[in-house]
Amino acid sequence: MSGKSAEPEPEVPPPVPEIGVLYLDSVRGLVGEFRGTWAGRWLLRPAKGGVEWEVEPGDVRALNAEQRLRAEVGKANARSRGEVL
């Protein structure tokens, strides 16, 4: 026996993405644009504009190609209607 206890390794937080990257909030089922961090949590904003919300970094997932396309088209449509700058 080596005498070492099997301690769990500390959880490594995911790297902070660039502002504007789209993610799926797996808890709420919403797609949001990364806007920054606050007290260890990530701030996401709806892709079409709106109020930011906080999410644990472990609760976000990368978008697949279809989800990304839907979000980008929705954002472009909202911008063309003057809803998003």
PDB file of N, CA and C in Angstrom:
ATOM      1  N   MET A   1       0.844  -1.182   0.000  1.00  0.00           N
ATOM      2  CA  MET A   1       0.000   0.000   0.000  1.00  0.00           C
ATOM      3  C   MET A   1       0.882   1.236   0.000  1.00  0.00           C
ATOM      4  N   SER A   2       0.467   2.230  -0.685  1.00  0.00           N
ATOM      5  CA  SER A   2       1.276   3.439  -0.799  1.00  0.00           C
ATOM      6  C   SER A   2       1.061   4.399   0.354  1.00  0.00           C
ATOM      7  N   GLY A   3      -0.014   4.244   1.098  1.00  0.00           N
ATOM      8  CA  GLY A   3      -0.267   5.130   2.214  1.00  0.00           C
ATOM      9  C   GLY A   3      -0.947   6.430   1.834  1.00  0.00           C
ATOM     10  N   LYS A   4      -1.186   6.631   0.557  1.00  0.00           N
ATOM     11  CA  LYS A   4      -1.858   7.855   0.113  1.00  0.00           C
ATOM     12  C   LYS A   4      -3.366   7.637   0.105  1.00  0.00           C
ATOM     13  N   SER A   5      -4.096   8.630   0.581  1.00  0.00           N
ATOM     14  CA  SER A   5      -5.553   8.530   0.531  1.00  0.00           C
ATOM     15  C   SER A   5      -6.040   8.981  -0.840  1.00  0.00           C
ATOM     16  N   ALA A   6      -7.120   8.393  -1.254  1.00  0.00           N
ATOM     17  CA  ALA A   6      -7.685   8.734  -2.569  1.00  0.00           C
ATOM     18  C   ALA A   6      -8.608   9.940  -2.414  1.00  0.00           C
ATOM     19  N   GLU A   7      -8.024  11.118  -2.463  1.00  0.00           N
ATOM     20  CA  GLU A   7      -8.818  12.340  -2.359  1.00  0.00           C
ATOM     21  C   GLU A   7      -9.348  12.707  -3.734  1.00  0.00           C
ATOM     22  N   PRO A   8     -10.587  13.180  -3.785  1.00  0.00           N
ATOM     23  CA  PRO A   8     -11.102  13.594  -5.097  1.00  0.00           C
ATOM     24  C   PRO A   8     -10.335  14.811  -5.601  1.00  0.00           C
ATOM     25  N   GLU A   9     -10.085  14.814  -6.900  1.00  0.00           N
ATOM     26  CA  GLU A   9      -9.384  15.952  -7.484  1.00  0.00           C
ATOM     27  C   GLU A   9     -10.329  17.141  -7.555  1.00  0.00           C
ATOM     28  N   PRO A  10      -9.808  18.345  -7.323  1.00  0.00           N
ATOM     29  CA  PRO A  10     -10.682  19.528  -7.385  1.00  0.00           C
ATOM     30  C   PRO A  10     -11.235  19.712  -8.795  1.00  0.00           C
ATOM     31  N   GLU A  11     -12.485  20.164  -8.854  1.00  0.00           N
ATOM     32  CA  GLU A  11     -13.135  20.396 -10.140  1.00  0.00           C
ATOM     33  C   GLU A  11     -12.522  21.625 -10.798  1.00  0.00           C
ATOM     34  N   VAL A  12     -12.125  21.479 -12.035  1.00  0.00           N
ATOM     35  CA  VAL A  12     -11.519  22.579 -12.780  1.00  0.00           C
ATOM     36  C   VAL A  12     -12.626  23.313 -13.525  1.00  0.00           C
ATOM     37  N   PRO A  13     -12.775  24.614 -13.293  1.00  0.00           N
ATOM     38  CA  PRO A  13     -13.829  25.347 -13.994  1.00  0.00           C
ATOM     39  C   PRO A  13     -13.521  25.429 -15.486  1.00  0.00           C
ATOM     40  N   PRO A  14     -14.574  25.465 -16.312  1.00  0.00           N
ATOM     41  CA  PRO A  14     -14.335  25.587 -17.751  1.00  0.00           C
ATOM     42  C   PRO A  14     -13.692  26.930 -18.065  1.00  0.00           C
ATOM     43  N   PRO A  15     -12.946  27.000 -19.155  1.00  0.00           N
ATOM     44  CA  PRO A  15     -12.329  28.277 -19.517  1.00  0.00           C
ATOM     45  C   PRO A  15     -13.397  29.310 -19.852  1.00  0.00           C
ATOM     46  N   VAL A  16     -13.120  30.548 -19.530  1.00  0.00           N
ATOM     47  CA  VAL A  16     -14.070  31.631 -19.807  1.00  0.00           C
ATOM     48  C   VAL A  16     -14.045  31.917 -21.314  1.00  0.00           C
ATOM     49  N   PRO A  17     -15.214  31.849 -21.960  1.00  0.00           N
ATOM     50  CA  PRO A  17     -15.260  32.073 -23.414  1.00  0.00           C
ATOM     51  C   PRO A  17     -15.186  33.553 -23.774  1.00  0.00           C
ATOM     52  N   GLU A  18     -15.076  33.806 -25.064  1.00  0.00           N
ATOM     53  CA  GLU A  18     -15.112  35.177 -25.556  1.00  0.00           C
ATOM     54  C   GLU A  18     -16.542  35.701 -25.479  1.00  0.00           C
ATOM     55  N   ILE A  19     -16.683  36.996 -25.281  1.00  0.00           N
ATOM     56  CA  ILE A  19     -18.007  37.613 -25.255  1.00  0.00           C
ATOM     57  C   ILE A  19     -18.661  37.419 -26.616  1.00  0.00           C
ATOM     58  N   GLY A  20     -19.925  37.036 -26.586  1.00  0.00           N
ATOM     59  CA  GLY A  20     -20.692  36.849 -27.814  1.00  0.00           C
ATOM     60  C   GLY A  20     -20.892  35.402 -28.219  1.00  0.00           C
ATOM     61  N   VAL A  21     -20.163  34.464 -27.585  1.00  0.00           N
ATOM     62  CA  VAL A  21     -20.313  33.051 -27.925  1.00  0.00           C
ATOM     63  C   VAL A  21     -21.669  32.565 -27.417  1.00  0.00           C
ATOM     64  N   LEU A  22     -22.372  31.795 -28.235  1.00  0.00           N
ATOM     65  CA  LEU A  22     -23.692  31.289 -27.878  1.00  0.00           C
ATOM     66  C   LEU A  22     -23.587  29.949 -27.163  1.00  0.00           C
ATOM     67  N   TYR A  23     -24.414  29.772 -26.112  1.00  0.00           N
ATOM     68  CA  TYR A  23     -24.461  28.538 -25.340  1.00  0.00           C
ATOM     69  C   TYR A  23     -25.901  28.173 -25.040  1.00  0.00           C
ATOM     70  N   LEU A  24     -26.106  26.894 -24.724  1.00  0.00           N
ATOM     71  CA  LEU A  24     -27.395  26.417 -24.262  1.00  0.00           C
ATOM     72  C   LEU A  24     -27.337  26.308 -22.748  1.00  0.00           C
ATOM     73  N   ASP A  25     -28.248  26.975 -22.066  1.00  0.00           N
ATOM     74  CA  ASP A  25     -28.407  26.833 -20.619  1.00  0.00           C
ATOM     75  C   ASP A  25     -29.228  25.564 -20.434  1.00  0.00           C
ATOM     76  N   SER A  26     -28.581  24.481 -20.014  1.00  0.00           N
ATOM     77  CA  SER A  26     -29.254  23.187 -19.938  1.00  0.00           C
ATOM     78  C   SER A  26     -30.294  23.125 -18.825  1.00  0.00           C
ATOM     79  N   VAL A  27     -30.230  24.006 -17.851  1.00  0.00           N
ATOM     80  CA  VAL A  27     -31.220  24.030 -16.772  1.00  0.00           C
ATOM     81  C   VAL A  27     -32.514  24.688 -17.253  1.00  0.00           C
ATOM     82  N   ARG A  28     -32.393  25.823 -17.926  1.00  0.00           N
ATOM     83  CA  ARG A  28     -33.569  26.562 -18.391  1.00  0.00           C
ATOM     84  C   ARG A  28     -34.005  26.173 -19.802  1.00  0.00           C
ATOM     85  N   GLY A  29     -33.118  25.531 -20.550  1.00  0.00           N
ATOM     86  CA  GLY A  29     -33.431  25.180 -21.931  1.00  0.00           C
ATOM     87  C   GLY A  29     -33.414  26.379 -22.860  1.00  0.00           C
ATOM     88  N   LEU A  30     -32.636  27.402 -22.504  1.00  0.00           N
ATOM     89  CA  LEU A  30     -32.572  28.629 -23.292  1.00  0.00           C
ATOM     90  C   LEU A  30     -31.196  28.800 -23.919  1.00  0.00           C
ATOM     91  N   VAL A  31     -31.187  29.408 -25.102  1.00  0.00           N
ATOM     92  CA  VAL A  31     -29.928  29.752 -25.753  1.00  0.00           C
ATOM     93  C   VAL A  31     -29.577  31.173 -25.350  1.00  0.00           C
ATOM     94  N   GLY A  32     -28.347  31.377 -24.938  1.00  0.00           N
ATOM     95  CA  GLY A  32     -27.908  32.705 -24.531  1.00  0.00           C
ATOM     96  C   GLY A  32     -26.523  33.024 -25.050  1.00  0.00           C
ATOM     97  N   GLU A  33     -26.265  34.311 -25.141  1.00  0.00           N
ATOM     98  CA  GLU A  33     -24.977  34.832 -25.590  1.00  0.00           C
ATOM     99  C   GLU A  33     -24.148  35.154 -24.353  1.00  0.00           C
ATOM    100  N   PHE A  34     -22.925  34.654 -24.288  1.00  0.00           N
ATOM    101  CA  PHE A  34     -22.060  34.908 -23.142  1.00  0.00           C
ATOM    102  C   PHE A  34     -21.731  36.394 -23.070  1.00  0.00           C
ATOM    103  N   ARG A  35     -21.913  37.000 -21.874  1.00  0.00           N
ATOM    104  CA  ARG A  35     -21.660  38.426 -21.694  1.00  0.00           C
ATOM    105  C   ARG A  35     -20.585  38.722 -20.661  1.00  0.00           C
ATOM    106  N   GLY A  36     -20.204  37.749 -19.846  1.00  0.00           N
ATOM    107  CA  GLY A  36     -19.180  37.988 -18.839  1.00  0.00           C
ATOM    108  C   GLY A  36     -19.375  37.077 -17.643  1.00  0.00           C
ATOM    109  N   THR A  37     -18.637  37.376 -16.569  1.00  0.00           N
ATOM    110  CA  THR A  37     -18.735  36.582 -15.347  1.00  0.00           C
ATOM    111  C   THR A  37     -19.057  37.486 -14.169  1.00  0.00           C
ATOM    112  N   TRP A  38     -19.629  36.887 -13.145  1.00  0.00           N
ATOM    113  CA  TRP A  38     -19.927  37.597 -11.909  1.00  0.00           C
ATOM    114  C   TRP A  38     -19.934  36.574 -10.785  1.00  0.00           C
ATOM    115  N   ALA A  39     -19.023  36.722  -9.848  1.00  0.00           N
ATOM    116  CA  ALA A  39     -18.945  35.867  -8.665  1.00  0.00           C
ATOM    117  C   ALA A  39     -18.899  34.384  -9.035  1.00  0.00           C
ATOM    118  N   GLY A  40     -18.125  34.049 -10.059  1.00  0.00           N
ATOM    119  CA  GLY A  40     -17.967  32.657 -10.452  1.00  0.00           C
ATOM    120  C   GLY A  40     -19.062  32.111 -11.343  1.00  0.00           C
ATOM    121  N   ARG A  41     -20.060  32.915 -11.616  1.00  0.00           N
ATOM    122  CA  ARG A  41     -21.159  32.488 -12.494  1.00  0.00           C
ATOM    123  C   ARG A  41     -21.030  33.202 -13.828  1.00  0.00           C
ATOM    124  N   TRP A  42     -21.590  32.611 -14.866  1.00  0.00           N
ATOM    125  CA  TRP A  42     -21.572  33.224 -16.190  1.00  0.00           C
ATOM    126  C   TRP A  42     -22.851  34.005 -16.405  1.00  0.00           C
ATOM    127  N   LEU A  43     -22.748  35.087 -17.136  1.00  0.00           N
ATOM    128  CA  LEU A  43     -23.908  35.891 -17.502  1.00  0.00           C
ATOM    129  C   LEU A  43     -24.236  35.620 -18.962  1.00  0.00           C
ATOM    130  N   LEU A  44     -25.460  35.193 -19.207  1.00  0.00           N
ATOM    131  CA  LEU A  44     -25.943  34.961 -20.563  1.00  0.00           C
ATOM    132  C   LEU A  44     -27.082  35.918 -20.846  1.00  0.00           C
ATOM    133  N   ARG A  45     -27.216  36.311 -22.094  1.00  0.00           N
ATOM    134  CA  ARG A  45     -28.307  37.185 -22.526  1.00  0.00           C
ATOM    135  C   ARG A  45     -28.991  36.494 -23.699  1.00  0.00           C
ATOM    136  N   PRO A  46     -30.317  36.595 -23.791  1.00  0.00           N
ATOM    137  CA  PRO A  46     -30.990  35.985 -24.938  1.00  0.00           C
ATOM    138  C   PRO A  46     -30.367  36.468 -26.246  1.00  0.00           C
ATOM    139  N   ALA A  47     -30.227  35.570 -27.202  1.00  0.00           N
ATOM    140  CA  ALA A  47     -29.594  35.911 -28.475  1.00  0.00           C
ATOM    141  C   ALA A  47     -30.339  37.032 -29.189  1.00  0.00           C
ATOM    142  N   LYS A  48     -31.654  37.116 -28.977  1.00  0.00           N
ATOM    143  CA  LYS A  48     -32.460  38.156 -29.630  1.00  0.00           C
ATOM    144  C   LYS A  48     -32.498  39.445 -28.815  1.00  0.00           C
ATOM    145  N   GLY A  49     -31.740  39.498 -27.740  1.00  0.00           N
ATOM    146  CA  GLY A  49     -31.734  40.673 -26.872  1.00  0.00           C
ATOM    147  C   GLY A  49     -32.620  40.441 -25.664  1.00  0.00           C
ATOM    148  N   GLY A  50     -32.391  41.196 -24.630  1.00  0.00           N
ATOM    149  CA  GLY A  50     -33.191  41.060 -23.420  1.00  0.00           C
ATOM    150  C   GLY A  50     -32.323  41.101 -22.180  1.00  0.00           C
ATOM    151  N   VAL A  51     -32.916  40.689 -21.077  1.00  0.00           N
ATOM    152  CA  VAL A  51     -32.275  40.755 -19.769  1.00  0.00           C
ATOM    153  C   VAL A  51     -31.340  39.558 -19.572  1.00  0.00           C
ATOM    154  N   GLU A  52     -30.146  39.836 -19.061  1.00  0.00           N
ATOM    155  CA  GLU A  52     -29.176  38.777 -18.770  1.00  0.00           C
ATOM    156  C   GLU A  52     -29.662  37.926 -17.607  1.00  0.00           C
ATOM    157  N   TRP A  53     -29.166  36.692 -17.555  1.00  0.00           N
ATOM    158  CA  TRP A  53     -29.401  35.836 -16.407  1.00  0.00           C
ATOM    159  C   TRP A  53     -28.091  35.155 -16.043  1.00  0.00           C
ATOM    160  N   GLU A  54     -28.024  34.677 -14.802  1.00  0.00           N
ATOM    161  CA  GLU A  54     -26.822  34.009 -14.305  1.00  0.00           C
ATOM    162  C   GLU A  54     -26.978  32.507 -14.450  1.00  0.00           C
ATOM    163  N   VAL A  55     -25.859  31.847 -14.708  1.00  0.00           N
ATOM    164  CA  VAL A  55     -25.867  30.394 -14.851  1.00  0.00           C
ATOM    165  C   VAL A  55     -24.539  29.845 -14.329  1.00  0.00           C
ATOM    166  N   GLU A  56     -24.590  28.667 -13.749  1.00  0.00           N
ATOM    167  CA  GLU A  56     -23.362  27.990 -13.341  1.00  0.00           C
ATOM    168  C   GLU A  56     -22.628  27.541 -14.600  1.00  0.00           C
ATOM    169  N   PRO A  57     -21.318  27.735 -14.669  1.00  0.00           N
ATOM    170  CA  PRO A  57     -20.575  27.330 -15.864  1.00  0.00           C
ATOM    171  C   PRO A  57     -20.774  25.860 -16.240  1.00  0.00           C
ATOM    172  N   GLY A  58     -20.987  25.004 -15.259  1.00  0.00           N
ATOM    173  CA  GLY A  58     -21.197  23.581 -15.538  1.00  0.00           C
ATOM    174  C   GLY A  58     -22.552  23.264 -16.134  1.00  0.00           C
ATOM    175  N   ASP A  59     -23.463  24.241 -16.139  1.00  0.00           N
ATOM    176  CA  ASP A  59     -24.815  24.026 -16.663  1.00  0.00           C
ATOM    177  C   ASP A  59     -24.983  24.495 -18.100  1.00  0.00           C
ATOM    178  N   VAL A  60     -23.906  24.907 -18.750  1.00  0.00           N
ATOM    179  CA  VAL A  60     -24.011  25.352 -20.142  1.00  0.00           C
ATOM    180  C   VAL A  60     -23.428  24.294 -21.066  1.00  0.00           C
ATOM    181  N   ARG A  61     -23.983  24.233 -22.256  1.00  0.00           N
ATOM    182  CA  ARG A  61     -23.526  23.286 -23.273  1.00  0.00           C
ATOM    183  C   ARG A  61     -23.284  24.047 -24.570  1.00  0.00           C
ATOM    184  N   ALA A  62     -22.322  23.583 -25.331  1.00  0.00           N
ATOM    185  CA  ALA A  62     -22.085  24.157 -26.657  1.00  0.00           C
ATOM    186  C   ALA A  62     -23.283  23.830 -27.548  1.00  0.00           C
ATOM    187  N   LEU A  63     -23.572  24.716 -28.471  1.00  0.00           N
ATOM    188  CA  LEU A  63     -24.677  24.487 -29.394  1.00  0.00           C
ATOM    189  C   LEU A  63     -24.239  23.568 -30.521  1.00  0.00           C
ATOM    190  N   ASN A  64     -25.191  22.747 -30.994  1.00  0.00           N
ATOM    191  CA  ASN A  64     -24.894  21.984 -32.201  1.00  0.00           C
ATOM    192  C   ASN A  64     -25.148  22.904 -33.394  1.00  0.00           C
ATOM    193  N   ALA A  65     -24.861  22.447 -34.585  1.00  0.00           N
ATOM    194  CA  ALA A  65     -24.959  23.294 -35.783  1.00  0.00           C
ATOM    195  C   ALA A  65     -26.377  23.831 -35.989  1.00  0.00           C
ATOM    196  N   GLU A  66     -27.388  22.999 -35.777  1.00  0.00           N
ATOM    197  CA  GLU A  66     -28.779  23.433 -35.971  1.00  0.00           C
ATOM    198  C   GLU A  66     -29.166  24.509 -34.955  1.00  0.00           C
ATOM    199  N   GLN A  67     -28.824  24.296 -33.695  1.00  0.00           N
ATOM    200  CA  GLN A  67     -29.146  25.281 -32.659  1.00  0.00           C
ATOM    201  C   GLN A  67     -28.448  26.606 -32.928  1.00  0.00           C
ATOM    202  N   ARG A  68     -27.199  26.538 -33.350  1.00  0.00           N
ATOM    203  CA  ARG A  68     -26.439  27.759 -33.636  1.00  0.00           C
ATOM    204  C   ARG A  68     -27.080  28.523 -34.796  1.00  0.00           C
ATOM    205  N   LEU A  69     -27.463  27.804 -35.860  1.00  0.00           N
ATOM    206  CA  LEU A  69     -28.092  28.440 -37.014  1.00  0.00           C
ATOM    207  C   LEU A  69     -29.409  29.103 -36.620  1.00  0.00           C
ATOM    208  N   ARG A  70     -30.236  28.403 -35.843  1.00  0.00           N
ATOM    209  CA  ARG A  70     -31.514  28.981 -35.393  1.00  0.00           C
ATOM    210  C   ARG A  70     -31.288  30.263 -34.598  1.00  0.00           C
ATOM    211  N   ALA A  71     -30.329  30.231 -33.689  1.00  0.00           N
ATOM    212  CA  ALA A  71     -30.050  31.403 -32.855  1.00  0.00           C
ATOM    213  C   ALA A  71     -29.542  32.568 -33.695  1.00  0.00           C
ATOM    214  N   GLU A  72     -28.644  32.295 -34.623  1.00  0.00           N
ATOM    215  CA  GLU A  72     -28.092  33.366 -35.463  1.00  0.00           C
ATOM    216  C   GLU A  72     -29.159  33.966 -36.377  1.00  0.00           C
ATOM    217  N   VAL A  73     -30.030  33.123 -36.944  1.00  0.00           N
ATOM    218  CA  VAL A  73     -31.110  33.628 -37.804  1.00  0.00           C
ATOM    219  C   VAL A  73     -32.090  34.454 -36.975  1.00  0.00           C
ATOM    220  N   GLY A  74     -32.433  33.975 -35.786  1.00  0.00           N
ATOM    221  CA  GLY A  74     -33.329  34.733 -34.916  1.00  0.00           C
ATOM    222  C   GLY A  74     -32.749  36.081 -34.533  1.00  0.00           C
ATOM    223  N   LYS A  75     -31.462  36.095 -34.266  1.00  0.00           N
ATOM    224  CA  LYS A  75     -30.774  37.343 -33.918  1.00  0.00           C
ATOM    225  C   LYS A  75     -30.779  38.303 -35.105  1.00  0.00           C
ATOM    226  N   ALA A  76     -30.497  37.793 -36.306  1.00  0.00           N
ATOM    227  CA  ALA A  76     -30.498  38.634 -37.511  1.00  0.00           C
ATOM    228  C   ALA A  76     -31.894  39.179 -37.794  1.00  0.00           C
ATOM    229  N   ASN A  77     -32.917  38.351 -37.621  1.00  0.00           N
ATOM    230  CA  ASN A  77     -34.290  38.810 -37.844  1.00  0.00           C
ATOM    231  C   ASN A  77     -34.677  39.893 -36.843  1.00  0.00           C
ATOM    232  N   ALA A  78     -34.311  39.710 -35.579  1.00  0.00           N
ATOM    233  CA  ALA A  78     -34.615  40.719 -34.562  1.00  0.00           C
ATOM    234  C   ALA A  78     -33.902  42.026 -34.879  1.00  0.00           C
ATOM    235  N   ARG A  79     -32.666  41.932 -35.346  1.00  0.00           N
ATOM    236  CA  ARG A  79     -31.911  43.133 -35.703  1.00  0.00           C
ATOM    237  C   ARG A  79     -32.576  43.851 -36.883  1.00  0.00           C
ATOM    238  N   SER A  80     -33.064  43.099 -37.868  1.00  0.00           N
ATOM    239  CA  SER A  80     -33.695  43.728 -39.035  1.00  0.00           C
ATOM    240  C   SER A  80     -35.013  44.407 -38.665  1.00  0.00           C
ATOM    241  N   ARG A  81     -35.652  43.942 -37.589  1.00  0.00           N
ATOM    242  CA  ARG A  81     -36.887  44.572 -37.117  1.00  0.00           C
ATOM    243  C   ARG A  81     -36.606  45.734 -36.169  1.00  0.00           C
ATOM    244  N   GLY A  82     -35.330  45.973 -35.867  1.00  0.00           N
ATOM    245  CA  GLY A  82     -34.964  47.062 -34.968  1.00  0.00           C
ATOM    246  C   GLY A  82     -35.073  46.707 -33.500  1.00  0.00           C
ATOM    247  N   GLU A  83     -35.222  45.422 -33.184  1.00  0.00           N
ATOM    248  CA  GLU A  83     -35.362  44.988 -31.795  1.00  0.00           C
ATOM    249  C   GLU A  83     -34.014  44.838 -31.101  1.00  0.00           C
ATOM    250  N   VAL A  84     -32.953  44.630 -31.877  1.00  0.00           N
ATOM    251  CA  VAL A  84     -31.605  44.444 -31.349  1.00  0.00           C
ATOM    252  C   VAL A  84     -30.678  45.344 -32.135  1.00  0.00           C
ATOM    253  N   LEU A  85     -29.767  46.010 -31.431  1.00  0.00           N
ATOM    254  CA  LEU A  85     -28.800  46.865 -32.119  1.00  0.00           C
ATOM    255  C   LEU A  85     -27.606  46.065 -32.567  1.00  0.00           C
TER     256      LEU A  85
END
